[in-house]
Each structure stands twice: as structure tokens, then as C-alpha cells.
């Protein structure tokens, strides 16, 4: 029984938090002053919105919406007739869904960029 008690004390002492208080001496202020300001975040968001708008504009000018719409119609019509959708239609829809998910994730998780 005494071996278990000694081992329990060893585990308790091993997993206790250390109580070492270290003086700051202005270190926190130096680190915080070295962090990027909000201006950089605004520039990053501007780049994200600008690239999204530019992509949408190029997509509209190149008539990409027509190929996307035709692909969706092709997939739905083939699905209603129990025929497998074509690989090109599936790929086009998959690319646009993936881009939408990536953009929303980048917007949500600002740590990704």
C-alpha cells in the first residue's frame, strides 16, 4: 500500500502547475507594439474583395455563367432520367462549389492567408 501512496504523491507533484512568476519589465508592450496594425487587415480584406469582384467580372464577361448553367441543367436532366452525368459537367460544378467554399473559409478564418 505504501508504494501506491508514494507513486500517487509522485504523480501529483509531477503534474502540478509550476508557480513561477516572471516579471514582465515591459516585454508585453514591446511584443504588442510589434504586431501588425488593423491597417494590414483592412488591406488584406480589400484584396480579398477586389479579387472576388474581379473574378466575378471576368466570369461574367467570359460567359462562364452560361457553361455553369448548362452544366447544372445537364446534371439535373441526366439525374431525372437515371443517366450518369457527364464528367465535364460534374467537374465544372465541382470547381465552382469548391471555389465558393474556399472563399467563404478564407473570409471566416482570417488565419489562412
PDB file of N, CA and C in Angstrom:
ATOM      1  N   UNK A   1       0.803  -1.193   0.000  1.00  0.00           N
ATOM      2  CA  UNK A   1       0.000   0.000   0.000  1.00  0.00           C
ATOM      3  C   UNK A   1       0.846   1.258   0.000  1.00  0.00           C
ATOM      4  N   UNK A   2       1.993   1.181   0.656  1.00  0.00           N
ATOM      5  CA  UNK A   2       2.824   2.378   0.744  1.00  0.00           C
ATOM      6  C   UNK A   2       3.426   2.742  -0.605  1.00  0.00           C
ATOM      7  N   UNK A   3       3.681   1.738  -1.494  1.00  0.00           N
ATOM      8  CA  UNK A   3       4.214   2.034  -2.824  1.00  0.00           C
ATOM      9  C   UNK A   3       3.207   2.824  -3.649  1.00  0.00           C
ATOM     10  N   UNK A   4       1.934   2.471  -3.554  1.00  0.00           N
ATOM     11  CA  UNK A   4       0.890   3.192  -4.283  1.00  0.00           C
ATOM     12  C   UNK A   4       0.789   4.633  -3.787  1.00  0.00           C
ATOM     13  N   UNK A   5       0.865   4.817  -2.499  1.00  0.00           N
ATOM     14  CA  UNK A   5       0.775   6.165  -1.945  1.00  0.00           C
ATOM     15  C   UNK A   5       1.957   7.022  -2.395  1.00  0.00           C
ATOM     16  N   UNK A   6       3.146   6.457  -2.419  1.00  0.00           N
ATOM     17  CA  UNK A   6       4.309   7.208  -2.868  1.00  0.00           C
ATOM     18  C   UNK A   6       4.209   7.537  -4.356  1.00  0.00           C
ATOM     19  N   UNK A   7       3.695   6.589  -5.129  1.00  0.00           N
ATOM     20  CA  UNK A   7       3.530   6.839  -6.567  1.00  0.00           C
ATOM     21  C   UNK A   7       2.464   7.898  -6.817  1.00  0.00           C
ATOM     22  N   UNK A   8       1.376   7.854  -6.036  1.00  0.00           N
ATOM     23  CA  UNK A   8       0.349   8.893  -6.156  1.00  0.00           C
ATOM     24  C   UNK A   8       0.911  10.269  -5.847  1.00  0.00           C
ATOM     25  N   UNK A   9       1.740  10.342  -4.816  1.00  0.00           N
ATOM     26  CA  UNK A   9       2.366  11.634  -4.488  1.00  0.00           C
ATOM     27  C   UNK A   9       3.318  12.077  -5.595  1.00  0.00           C
ATOM     28  N   UNK A  10       4.032  11.130  -6.175  1.00  0.00           N
ATOM     29  CA  UNK A  10       4.934  11.452  -7.288  1.00  0.00           C
ATOM     30  C   UNK A  10       4.152  12.016  -8.471  1.00  0.00           C
ATOM     31  N   UNK A  11       3.026  11.359  -8.828  1.00  0.00           N
ATOM     32  CA  UNK A  11       2.196  11.860  -9.937  1.00  0.00           C
ATOM     33  C   UNK A  11       1.614  13.228  -9.617  1.00  0.00           C
ATOM     34  N   UNK A  12       1.141  13.394  -8.391  1.00  0.00           N
ATOM     35  CA  UNK A  12       0.552  14.683  -8.006  1.00  0.00           C
ATOM     36  C   UNK A  12       1.593  15.795  -8.109  1.00  0.00           C
ATOM     37  N   UNK A  13       2.783  15.549  -7.618  1.00  0.00           N
ATOM     38  CA  UNK A  13       3.844  16.558  -7.676  1.00  0.00           C
ATOM     39  C   UNK A  13       4.321  16.787  -9.111  1.00  0.00           C
ATOM     40  N   UNK A  14       4.298  15.744  -9.926  1.00  0.00           N
ATOM     41  CA  UNK A  14       4.763  15.874 -11.307  1.00  0.00           C
ATOM     42  C   UNK A  14       3.826  16.654 -12.192  1.00  0.00           C
ATOM     43  N   UNK A  15       2.513  16.579 -11.898  1.00  0.00           N
ATOM     44  CA  UNK A  15       1.538  17.237 -12.761  1.00  0.00           C
ATOM     45  C   UNK A  15       1.016  18.557 -12.216  1.00  0.00           C
ATOM     46  N   UNK A  16       1.499  18.980 -11.063  1.00  0.00           N
ATOM     47  CA  UNK A  16       1.078  20.276 -10.540  1.00  0.00           C
ATOM     48  C   UNK A  16       1.682  21.395 -11.378  1.00  0.00           C
ATOM     49  N   UNK A  17       0.958  22.494 -11.464  1.00  0.00           N
ATOM     50  CA  UNK A  17       1.456  23.652 -12.208  1.00  0.00           C
ATOM     51  C   UNK A  17       2.605  24.300 -11.438  1.00  0.00           C
ATOM     52  N   UNK A  18       3.565  24.740 -12.196  1.00  0.00           N
ATOM     53  CA  UNK A  18       4.667  25.483 -11.589  1.00  0.00           C
ATOM     54  C   UNK A  18       4.160  26.875 -11.229  1.00  0.00           C
ATOM     55  N   UNK A  19       4.606  27.365 -10.117  1.00  0.00           N
ATOM     56  CA  UNK A  19       4.161  28.683  -9.675  1.00  0.00           C
ATOM     57  C   UNK A  19       5.326  29.658  -9.719  1.00  0.00           C
ATOM     58  N   UNK A  20       5.889  29.792 -10.904  1.00  0.00           N
ATOM     59  CA  UNK A  20       6.999  30.726 -11.078  1.00  0.00           C
ATOM     60  C   UNK A  20       6.464  31.995 -11.729  1.00  0.00           C
ATOM     61  N   UNK A  21       6.445  33.070 -11.016  1.00  0.00           N
ATOM     62  CA  UNK A  21       6.029  34.351 -11.570  1.00  0.00           C
ATOM     63  C   UNK A  21       7.258  35.060 -12.118  1.00  0.00           C
ATOM     64  N   UNK A  22       7.196  35.386 -13.398  1.00  0.00           N
ATOM     65  CA  UNK A  22       8.312  36.064 -14.048  1.00  0.00           C
ATOM     66  C   UNK A  22       7.911  37.516 -14.250  1.00  0.00           C
ATOM     67  N   UNK A  23       8.790  38.421 -13.900  1.00  0.00           N
ATOM     68  CA  UNK A  23       8.475  39.838 -14.066  1.00  0.00           C
ATOM     69  C   UNK A  23       8.432  40.192 -15.548  1.00  0.00           C
ATOM     70  N   UNK A  24       7.569  41.122 -15.878  1.00  0.00           N
ATOM     71  CA  UNK A  24       7.321  41.483 -17.276  1.00  0.00           C
ATOM     72  C   UNK A  24       8.365  42.459 -17.801  1.00  0.00           C
ATOM     73  N   UNK A  25       8.661  43.492 -17.081  1.00  0.00           N
ATOM     74  CA  UNK A  25       9.639  44.525 -17.465  1.00  0.00           C
ATOM     75  C   UNK A  25       9.358  45.128 -18.842  1.00  0.00           C
ATOM     76  N   UNK A  26       8.078  45.312 -19.184  1.00  0.00           N
ATOM     77  CA  UNK A  26       7.719  45.952 -20.446  1.00  0.00           C
ATOM     78  C   UNK A  26       7.768  45.040 -21.656  1.00  0.00           C
ATOM     79  N   UNK A  27       7.974  43.742 -21.462  1.00  0.00           N
ATOM     80  CA  UNK A  27       8.069  42.813 -22.592  1.00  0.00           C
ATOM     81  C   UNK A  27       6.744  42.724 -23.347  1.00  0.00           C
ATOM     82  N   UNK A  28       5.632  42.687 -22.627  1.00  0.00           N
ATOM     83  CA  UNK A  28       4.316  42.573 -23.271  1.00  0.00           C
ATOM     84  C   UNK A  28       4.055  43.767 -24.178  1.00  0.00           C
ATOM     85  N   UNK A  29       4.357  44.961 -23.717  1.00  0.00           N
ATOM     86  CA  UNK A  29       4.128  46.154 -24.543  1.00  0.00           C
ATOM     87  C   UNK A  29       4.990  46.135 -25.798  1.00  0.00           C
ATOM     88  N   UNK A  30       6.218  45.656 -25.671  1.00  0.00           N
ATOM     89  CA  UNK A  30       7.101  45.573 -26.841  1.00  0.00           C
ATOM     90  C   UNK A  30       6.564  44.590 -27.871  1.00  0.00           C
ATOM     91  N   UNK A  31       6.069  43.456 -27.400  1.00  0.00           N
ATOM     92  CA  UNK A  31       5.529  42.451 -28.322  1.00  0.00           C
ATOM     93  C   UNK A  31       4.273  42.966 -29.002  1.00  0.00           C
ATOM     94  N   UNK A  32       3.367  43.560 -28.227  1.00  0.00           N
ATOM     95  CA  UNK A  32       2.113  44.066 -28.792  1.00  0.00           C
ATOM     96  C   UNK A  32       2.384  45.198 -29.776  1.00  0.00           C
ATOM     97  N   UNK A  33       3.355  46.048 -29.494  1.00  0.00           N
ATOM     98  CA  UNK A  33       3.653  47.142 -30.427  1.00  0.00           C
ATOM     99  C   UNK A  33       4.265  46.612 -31.720  1.00  0.00           C
ATOM    100  N   UNK A  34       4.862  45.433 -31.690  1.00  0.00           N
ATOM    101  CA  UNK A  34       5.448  44.845 -32.897  1.00  0.00           C
ATOM    102  C   UNK A  34       4.453  44.083 -33.752  1.00  0.00           C
ATOM    103  N   UNK A  35       3.242  43.873 -33.243  1.00  0.00           N
ATOM    104  CA  UNK A  35       2.229  43.147 -34.022  1.00  0.00           C
ATOM    105  C   UNK A  35       1.690  44.042 -35.133  1.00  0.00           C
ATOM    106  N   UNK A  36       1.189  43.437 -36.220  1.00  0.00           N
ATOM    107  CA  UNK A  36       0.644  44.255 -37.314  1.00  0.00           C
ATOM    108  C   UNK A  36      -0.592  45.007 -36.861  1.00  0.00           C
ATOM    109  N   UNK A  37      -0.755  46.167 -37.445  1.00  0.00           N
ATOM    110  CA  UNK A  37      -1.894  47.003 -37.078  1.00  0.00           C
ATOM    111  C   UNK A  37      -3.137  46.590 -37.863  1.00  0.00           C
ATOM    112  N   UNK A  38      -4.255  47.256 -37.561  1.00  0.00           N
ATOM    113  CA  UNK A  38      -5.509  46.965 -38.261  1.00  0.00           C
ATOM    114  C   UNK A  38      -5.437  47.360 -39.725  1.00  0.00           C
ATOM    115  N   UNK A  39      -4.527  48.268 -40.069  1.00  0.00           N
ATOM    116  CA  UNK A  39      -4.407  48.711 -41.454  1.00  0.00           C
ATOM    117  C   UNK A  39      -4.069  47.538 -42.370  1.00  0.00           C
ATOM    118  N   UNK A  40      -3.221  46.644 -41.907  1.00  0.00           N
ATOM    119  CA  UNK A  40      -2.847  45.486 -42.715  1.00  0.00           C
ATOM    120  C   UNK A  40      -4.049  44.578 -42.915  1.00  0.00           C
ATOM    121  N   UNK A  41      -4.882  44.419 -41.892  1.00  0.00           N
ATOM    122  CA  UNK A  41      -6.089  43.608 -42.031  1.00  0.00           C
ATOM    123  C   UNK A  41      -7.055  44.222 -43.032  1.00  0.00           C
ATOM    124  N   UNK A  42      -7.159  45.544 -43.024  1.00  0.00           N
ATOM    125  CA  UNK A  42      -8.041  46.214 -43.985  1.00  0.00           C
ATOM    126  C   UNK A  42      -7.515  45.992 -45.394  1.00  0.00           C
ATOM    127  N   UNK A  43      -6.207  46.091 -45.597  1.00  0.00           N
ATOM    128  CA  UNK A  43      -5.635  45.853 -46.924  1.00  0.00           C
ATOM    129  C   UNK A  43      -5.883  44.414 -47.367  1.00  0.00           C
ATOM    130  N   UNK A  44      -5.773  43.479 -46.460  1.00  0.00           N
ATOM    131  CA  UNK A  44      -5.995  42.077 -46.792  1.00  0.00           C
ATOM    132  C   UNK A  44      -7.448  41.839 -47.192  1.00  0.00           C
ATOM    133  N   UNK A  45      -8.369  42.439 -46.465  1.00  0.00           N
ATOM    134  CA  UNK A  45      -9.783  42.291 -46.810  1.00  0.00           C
ATOM    135  C   UNK A  45     -10.089  42.984 -48.137  1.00  0.00           C
ATOM    136  N   UNK A  46      -9.457  44.132 -48.376  1.00  0.00           N
ATOM    137  CA  UNK A  46      -9.659  44.817 -49.647  1.00  0.00           C
ATOM    138  C   UNK A  46      -9.181  43.949 -50.805  1.00  0.00           C
ATOM    139  N   UNK A  47      -8.026  43.318 -50.645  1.00  0.00           N
ATOM    140  CA  UNK A  47      -7.502  42.439 -51.698  1.00  0.00           C
ATOM    141  C   UNK A  47      -8.450  41.268 -51.928  1.00  0.00           C
ATOM    142  N   UNK A  48      -8.994  40.709 -50.856  1.00  0.00           N
ATOM    143  CA  UNK A  48      -9.920  39.585 -50.980  1.00  0.00           C
ATOM    144  C   UNK A  48     -11.180  40.011 -51.725  1.00  0.00           C
ATOM    145  N   UNK A  49     -11.767  41.131 -51.334  1.00  0.00           N
ATOM    146  CA  UNK A  49     -12.985  41.602 -52.001  1.00  0.00           C
ATOM    147  C   UNK A  49     -12.707  42.001 -53.450  1.00  0.00           C
ATOM    148  N   UNK A  50     -11.585  42.670 -53.673  1.00  0.00           N
ATOM    149  CA  UNK A  50     -11.258  43.090 -55.032  1.00  0.00           C
ATOM    150  C   UNK A  50     -11.038  41.892 -55.943  1.00  0.00           C
ATOM    151  N   UNK A  51     -10.310  40.884 -55.454  1.00  0.00           N
ATOM    152  CA  UNK A  51     -10.076  39.698 -56.285  1.00  0.00           C
ATOM    153  C   UNK A  51     -11.379  38.937 -56.532  1.00  0.00           C
ATOM    154  N   UNK A  52     -12.263  38.906 -55.539  1.00  0.00           N
ATOM    155  CA  UNK A  52     -13.560  38.262 -55.739  1.00  0.00           C
ATOM    156  C   UNK A  52     -14.404  38.993 -56.773  1.00  0.00           C
ATOM    157  N   UNK A  53     -14.418  40.325 -56.691  1.00  0.00           N
ATOM    158  CA  UNK A  53     -15.185  41.113 -57.657  1.00  0.00           C
ATOM    159  C   UNK A  53     -14.589  40.996 -59.053  1.00  0.00           C
ATOM    160  N   UNK A  54     -13.261  41.012 -59.148  1.00  0.00           N
ATOM    161  CA  UNK A  54     -12.600  40.870 -60.436  1.00  0.00           C
ATOM    162  C   UNK A  54     -12.882  39.496 -61.039  1.00  0.00           C
ATOM    163  N   UNK A  55     -12.858  38.477 -60.206  1.00  0.00           N
ATOM    164  CA  UNK A  55     -13.160  37.124 -60.692  1.00  0.00           C
ATOM    165  C   UNK A  55     -14.588  37.023 -61.181  1.00  0.00           C
ATOM    166  N   UNK A  56     -15.520  37.626 -60.444  1.00  0.00           N
ATOM    167  CA  UNK A  56     -16.919  37.603 -60.867  1.00  0.00           C
ATOM    168  C   UNK A  56     -17.097  38.365 -62.184  1.00  0.00           C
ATOM    169  N   UNK A  57     -16.392  39.485 -62.329  1.00  0.00           N
ATOM    170  CA  UNK A  57     -16.483  40.265 -63.567  1.00  0.00           C
ATOM    171  C   UNK A  57     -15.936  39.472 -64.751  1.00  0.00           C
ATOM    172  N   UNK A  58     -14.778  38.841 -64.576  1.00  0.00           N
ATOM    173  CA  UNK A  58     -14.197  38.025 -65.654  1.00  0.00           C
ATOM    174  C   UNK A  58     -15.095  36.835 -65.955  1.00  0.00           C
ATOM    175  N   UNK A  59     -15.675  36.242 -64.928  1.00  0.00           N
ATOM    176  CA  UNK A  59     -16.597  35.125 -65.106  1.00  0.00           C
ATOM    177  C   UNK A  59     -17.805  35.553 -65.939  1.00  0.00           C
ATOM    178  N   UNK A  60     -18.330  36.763 -65.659  1.00  0.00           N
ATOM    179  CA  UNK A  60     -19.492  37.257 -66.401  1.00  0.00           C
ATOM    180  C   UNK A  60     -19.125  37.593 -67.845  1.00  0.00           C
ATOM    181  N   UNK A  61     -17.984  38.249 -68.060  1.00  0.00           N
ATOM    182  CA  UNK A  61     -17.585  38.639 -69.414  1.00  0.00           C
ATOM    183  C   UNK A  61     -17.279  37.420 -70.280  1.00  0.00           C
ATOM    184  N   UNK A  62     -16.682  36.403 -69.688  1.00  0.00           N
ATOM    185  CA  UNK A  62     -16.307  35.219 -70.469  1.00  0.00           C
ATOM    186  C   UNK A  62     -17.465  34.248 -70.653  1.00  0.00           C
ATOM    187  N   UNK A  63     -18.641  34.658 -70.254  1.00  0.00           N
ATOM    188  CA  UNK A  63     -19.847  33.831 -70.359  1.00  0.00           C
ATOM    189  C   UNK A  63     -19.699  32.514 -69.604  1.00  0.00           C
ATOM    190  N   UNK A  64     -18.984  32.546 -68.528  1.00  0.00           N
ATOM    191  CA  UNK A  64     -18.821  31.364 -67.702  1.00  0.00           C
ATOM    192  C   UNK A  64     -20.109  30.935 -67.045  1.00  0.00           C
ATOM    193  N   UNK A  65     -20.995  31.914 -66.805  1.00  0.00           N
ATOM    194  CA  UNK A  65     -22.267  31.581 -66.192  1.00  0.00           C
ATOM    195  C   UNK A  65     -23.103  30.689 -67.099  1.00  0.00           C
ATOM    196  N   UNK A  66     -22.922  30.858 -68.416  1.00  0.00           N
ATOM    197  CA  UNK A  66     -23.681  30.012 -69.339  1.00  0.00           C
ATOM    198  C   UNK A  66     -23.235  28.556 -69.245  1.00  0.00           C
ATOM    199  N   UNK A  67     -21.922  28.337 -69.181  1.00  0.00           N
ATOM    200  CA  UNK A  67     -21.441  26.963 -69.073  1.00  0.00           C
ATOM    201  C   UNK A  67     -21.825  26.358 -67.727  1.00  0.00           C
ATOM    202  N   UNK A  68     -21.824  27.163 -66.681  1.00  0.00           N
ATOM    203  CA  UNK A  68     -22.242  26.662 -65.377  1.00  0.00           C
ATOM    204  C   UNK A  68     -23.723  26.305 -65.389  1.00  0.00           C
ATOM    205  N   UNK A  69     -24.531  27.177 -65.964  1.00  0.00           N
ATOM    206  CA  UNK A  69     -25.972  26.917 -66.030  1.00  0.00           C
ATOM    207  C   UNK A  69     -26.261  25.690 -66.885  1.00  0.00           C
ATOM    208  N   UNK A  70     -25.603  25.580 -68.031  1.00  0.00           N
ATOM    209  CA  UNK A  70     -25.809  24.401 -68.885  1.00  0.00           C
ATOM    210  C   UNK A  70     -25.336  23.124 -68.195  1.00  0.00           C
ATOM    211  N   UNK A  71     -24.266  23.205 -67.439  1.00  0.00           N
ATOM    212  CA  UNK A  71     -23.780  22.032 -66.706  1.00  0.00           C
ATOM    213  C   UNK A  71     -24.774  21.594 -65.639  1.00  0.00           C
ATOM    214  N   UNK A  72     -25.313  22.557 -64.915  1.00  0.00           N
ATOM    215  CA  UNK A  72     -26.308  22.220 -63.885  1.00  0.00           C
ATOM    216  C   UNK A  72     -27.552  21.621 -64.526  1.00  0.00           C
ATOM    217  N   UNK A  73     -28.008  22.212 -65.633  1.00  0.00           N
ATOM    218  CA  UNK A  73     -29.173  21.671 -66.338  1.00  0.00           C
ATOM    219  C   UNK A  73     -28.878  20.268 -66.845  1.00  0.00           C
ATOM    220  N   UNK A  74     -27.673  20.056 -67.378  1.00  0.00           N
ATOM    221  CA  UNK A  74     -27.287  18.734 -67.875  1.00  0.00           C
ATOM    222  C   UNK A  74     -27.280  17.702 -66.750  1.00  0.00           C
ATOM    223  N   UNK A  75     -26.715  18.082 -65.607  1.00  0.00           N
ATOM    224  CA  UNK A  75     -26.668  17.153 -64.475  1.00  0.00           C
ATOM    225  C   UNK A  75     -28.075  16.835 -63.982  1.00  0.00           C
ATOM    226  N   UNK A  76     -28.914  17.866 -63.860  1.00  0.00           N
ATOM    227  CA  UNK A  76     -30.276  17.625 -63.376  1.00  0.00           C
ATOM    228  C   UNK A  76     -31.093  16.802 -64.364  1.00  0.00           C
ATOM    229  N   UNK A  77     -30.971  17.099 -65.645  1.00  0.00           N
ATOM    230  CA  UNK A  77     -31.750  16.334 -66.628  1.00  0.00           C
ATOM    231  C   UNK A  77     -31.279  14.890 -66.698  1.00  0.00           C
ATOM    232  N   UNK A  78     -29.977  14.664 -66.598  1.00  0.00           N
ATOM    233  CA  UNK A  78     -29.480  13.294 -66.586  1.00  0.00           C
ATOM    234  C   UNK A  78     -29.885  12.570 -65.311  1.00  0.00           C
ATOM    235  N   UNK A  79     -29.932  13.315 -64.205  1.00  0.00           N
ATOM    236  CA  UNK A  79     -30.352  12.700 -62.952  1.00  0.00           C
ATOM    237  C   UNK A  79     -31.804  12.297 -62.980  1.00  0.00           C
ATOM    238  N   UNK A  80     -32.628  13.105 -63.633  1.00  0.00           N
ATOM    239  CA  UNK A  80     -34.040  12.765 -63.723  1.00  0.00           C
ATOM    240  C   UNK A  80     -34.280  11.578 -64.638  1.00  0.00           C
ATOM    241  N   UNK A  81     -33.383  11.352 -65.564  1.00  0.00           N
ATOM    242  CA  UNK A  81     -33.542  10.232 -66.499  1.00  0.00           C
ATOM    243  C   UNK A  81     -32.703   9.027 -66.088  1.00  0.00           C
ATOM    244  N   UNK A  82     -32.154   9.076 -64.883  1.00  0.00           N
ATOM    245  CA  UNK A  82     -31.341   7.989 -64.330  1.00  0.00           C
ATOM    246  C   UNK A  82     -30.141   7.661 -65.215  1.00  0.00           C
ATOM    247  N   UNK A  83     -29.569   8.670 -65.821  1.00  0.00           N
ATOM    248  CA  UNK A  83     -28.361   8.510 -66.625  1.00  0.00           C
ATOM    249  C   UNK A  83     -27.234   9.193 -65.861  1.00  0.00           C
ATOM    250  N   UNK A  84     -26.063   8.624 -65.895  1.00  0.00           N
ATOM    251  CA  UNK A  84     -24.938   9.232 -65.205  1.00  0.00           C
ATOM    252  C   UNK A  84     -24.577  10.565 -65.842  1.00  0.00           C
ATOM    253  N   UNK A  85     -24.296  11.594 -65.026  1.00  0.00           N
ATOM    254  CA  UNK A  85     -23.911  12.883 -65.594  1.00  0.00           C
ATOM    255  C   UNK A  85     -22.537  12.798 -66.263  1.00  0.00           C
ATOM    256  N   UNK A  86     -22.336  13.680 -67.220  1.00  0.00           N
ATOM    257  CA  UNK A  86     -21.049  13.672 -67.908  1.00  0.00           C
ATOM    258  C   UNK A  86     -19.958  14.167 -66.960  1.00  0.00           C
ATOM    259  N   UNK A  87     -18.760  13.752 -67.208  1.00  0.00           N
ATOM    260  CA  UNK A  87     -17.633  14.096 -66.347  1.00  0.00           C
ATOM    261  C   UNK A  87     -17.326  15.595 -66.409  1.00  0.00           C
ATOM    262  N   UNK A  88     -17.465  16.191 -67.581  1.00  0.00           N
ATOM    263  CA  UNK A  88     -17.170  17.626 -67.729  1.00  0.00           C
ATOM    264  C   UNK A  88     -18.168  18.452 -66.923  1.00  0.00           C
ATOM    265  N   UNK A  89     -19.432  18.098 -66.991  1.00  0.00           N
ATOM    266  CA  UNK A  89     -20.450  18.845 -66.234  1.00  0.00           C
ATOM    267  C   UNK A  89     -20.203  18.718 -64.741  1.00  0.00           C
ATOM    268  N   UNK A  90     -19.914  17.528 -64.313  1.00  0.00           N
ATOM    269  CA  UNK A  90     -19.642  17.308 -62.892  1.00  0.00           C
ATOM    270  C   UNK A  90     -18.418  18.101 -62.452  1.00  0.00           C
ATOM    271  N   UNK A  91     -17.371  18.136 -63.254  1.00  0.00           N
ATOM    272  CA  UNK A  91     -16.144  18.853 -62.925  1.00  0.00           C
ATOM    273  C   UNK A  91     -16.396  20.358 -62.826  1.00  0.00           C
ATOM    274  N   UNK A  92     -17.163  20.917 -63.756  1.00  0.00           N
ATOM    275  CA  UNK A  92     -17.430  22.358 -63.750  1.00  0.00           C
ATOM    276  C   UNK A  92     -18.173  22.754 -62.481  1.00  0.00           C
ATOM    277  N   UNK A  93     -19.198  22.000 -62.126  1.00  0.00           N
ATOM    278  CA  UNK A  93     -19.965  22.318 -60.925  1.00  0.00           C
ATOM    279  C   UNK A  93     -19.098  22.123 -59.683  1.00  0.00           C
ATOM    280  N   UNK A  94     -18.282  21.089 -59.672  1.00  0.00           N
ATOM    281  CA  UNK A  94     -17.401  20.836 -58.542  1.00  0.00           C
ATOM    282  C   UNK A  94     -16.399  21.967 -58.344  1.00  0.00           C
ATOM    283  N   UNK A  95     -15.860  22.495 -59.427  1.00  0.00           N
ATOM    284  CA  UNK A  95     -14.898  23.600 -59.331  1.00  0.00           C
ATOM    285  C   UNK A  95     -15.557  24.841 -58.731  1.00  0.00           C
ATOM    286  N   UNK A  96     -16.743  25.180 -59.194  1.00  0.00           N
ATOM    287  CA  UNK A  96     -17.392  26.382 -58.688  1.00  0.00           C
ATOM    288  C   UNK A  96     -17.843  26.218 -57.240  1.00  0.00           C
ATOM    289  N   UNK A  97     -18.283  25.053 -56.864  1.00  0.00           N
ATOM    290  CA  UNK A  97     -18.647  24.823 -55.466  1.00  0.00           C
ATOM    291  C   UNK A  97     -17.399  24.881 -54.589  1.00  0.00           C
ATOM    292  N   UNK A  98     -16.300  24.316 -55.062  1.00  0.00           N
ATOM    293  CA  UNK A  98     -15.049  24.341 -54.288  1.00  0.00           C
ATOM    294  C   UNK A  98     -14.549  25.771 -54.106  1.00  0.00           C
ATOM    295  N   UNK A  99     -14.601  26.571 -55.147  1.00  0.00           N
ATOM    296  CA  UNK A  99     -14.153  27.966 -55.044  1.00  0.00           C
ATOM    297  C   UNK A  99     -15.028  28.723 -54.050  1.00  0.00           C
ATOM    298  N   UNK A 100     -16.328  28.491 -54.082  1.00  0.00           N
ATOM    299  CA  UNK A 100     -17.221  29.168 -53.142  1.00  0.00           C
ATOM    300  C   UNK A 100     -16.905  28.772 -51.699  1.00  0.00           C
ATOM    301  N   UNK A 101     -16.616  27.506 -51.473  1.00  0.00           N
ATOM    302  CA  UNK A 101     -16.287  27.042 -50.125  1.00  0.00           C
ATOM    303  C   UNK A 101     -14.952  27.626 -49.676  1.00  0.00           C
ATOM    304  N   UNK A 102     -13.977  27.661 -50.560  1.00  0.00           N
ATOM    305  CA  UNK A 102     -12.655  28.195 -50.202  1.00  0.00           C
ATOM    306  C   UNK A 102     -12.740  29.675 -49.873  1.00  0.00           C
ATOM    307  N   UNK A 103     -13.482  30.429 -50.674  1.00  0.00           N
ATOM    308  CA  UNK A 103     -13.609  31.869 -50.410  1.00  0.00           C
ATOM    309  C   UNK A 103     -14.312  32.111 -49.084  1.00  0.00           C
ATOM    310  N   UNK A 104     -15.374  31.354 -48.812  1.00  0.00           N
ATOM    311  CA  UNK A 104     -16.076  31.551 -47.541  1.00  0.00           C
ATOM    312  C   UNK A 104     -15.203  31.139 -46.358  1.00  0.00           C
ATOM    313  N   UNK A 105     -14.380  30.106 -46.541  1.00  0.00           N
ATOM    314  CA  UNK A 105     -13.498  29.695 -45.447  1.00  0.00           C
ATOM    315  C   UNK A 105     -12.404  30.732 -45.206  1.00  0.00           C
ATOM    316  N   UNK A 106     -11.865  31.289 -46.275  1.00  0.00           N
ATOM    317  CA  UNK A 106     -10.851  32.338 -46.127  1.00  0.00           C
ATOM    318  C   UNK A 106     -11.440  33.542 -45.422  1.00  0.00           C
ATOM    319  N   UNK A 107     -12.671  33.872 -45.769  1.00  0.00           N
ATOM    320  CA  UNK A 107     -13.328  35.021 -45.134  1.00  0.00           C
ATOM    321  C   UNK A 107     -13.603  34.731 -43.660  1.00  0.00           C
ATOM    322  N   UNK A 108     -13.957  33.494 -43.333  1.00  0.00           N
ATOM    323  CA  UNK A 108     -14.268  33.146 -41.949  1.00  0.00           C
ATOM    324  C   UNK A 108     -13.009  32.996 -41.118  1.00  0.00           C
ATOM    325  N   UNK A 109     -12.029  32.267 -41.613  1.00  0.00           N
ATOM    326  CA  UNK A 109     -10.778  32.022 -40.889  1.00  0.00           C
ATOM    327  C   UNK A 109      -9.717  32.960 -41.434  1.00  0.00           C
ATOM    328  N   UNK A 110      -9.495  34.075 -40.749  1.00  0.00           N
ATOM    329  CA  UNK A 110      -8.562  35.065 -41.242  1.00  0.00           C
ATOM    330  C   UNK A 110      -7.110  34.595 -41.101  1.00  0.00           C
ATOM    331  N   UNK A 111      -6.888  33.472 -40.431  1.00  0.00           N
ATOM    332  CA  UNK A 111      -5.531  32.985 -40.229  1.00  0.00           C
ATOM    333  C   UNK A 111      -4.986  32.248 -41.443  1.00  0.00           C
ATOM    334  N   UNK A 112      -5.825  31.950 -42.442  1.00  0.00           N
ATOM    335  CA  UNK A 112      -5.391  31.149 -43.566  1.00  0.00           C
ATOM    336  C   UNK A 112      -4.452  31.882 -44.511  1.00  0.00           C
ATOM    337  N   UNK A 113      -4.599  33.201 -44.595  1.00  0.00           N
ATOM    338  CA  UNK A 113      -3.761  33.962 -45.531  1.00  0.00           C
ATOM    339  C   UNK A 113      -2.525  34.433 -44.819  1.00  0.00           C
TER     340      UNK A 113
END
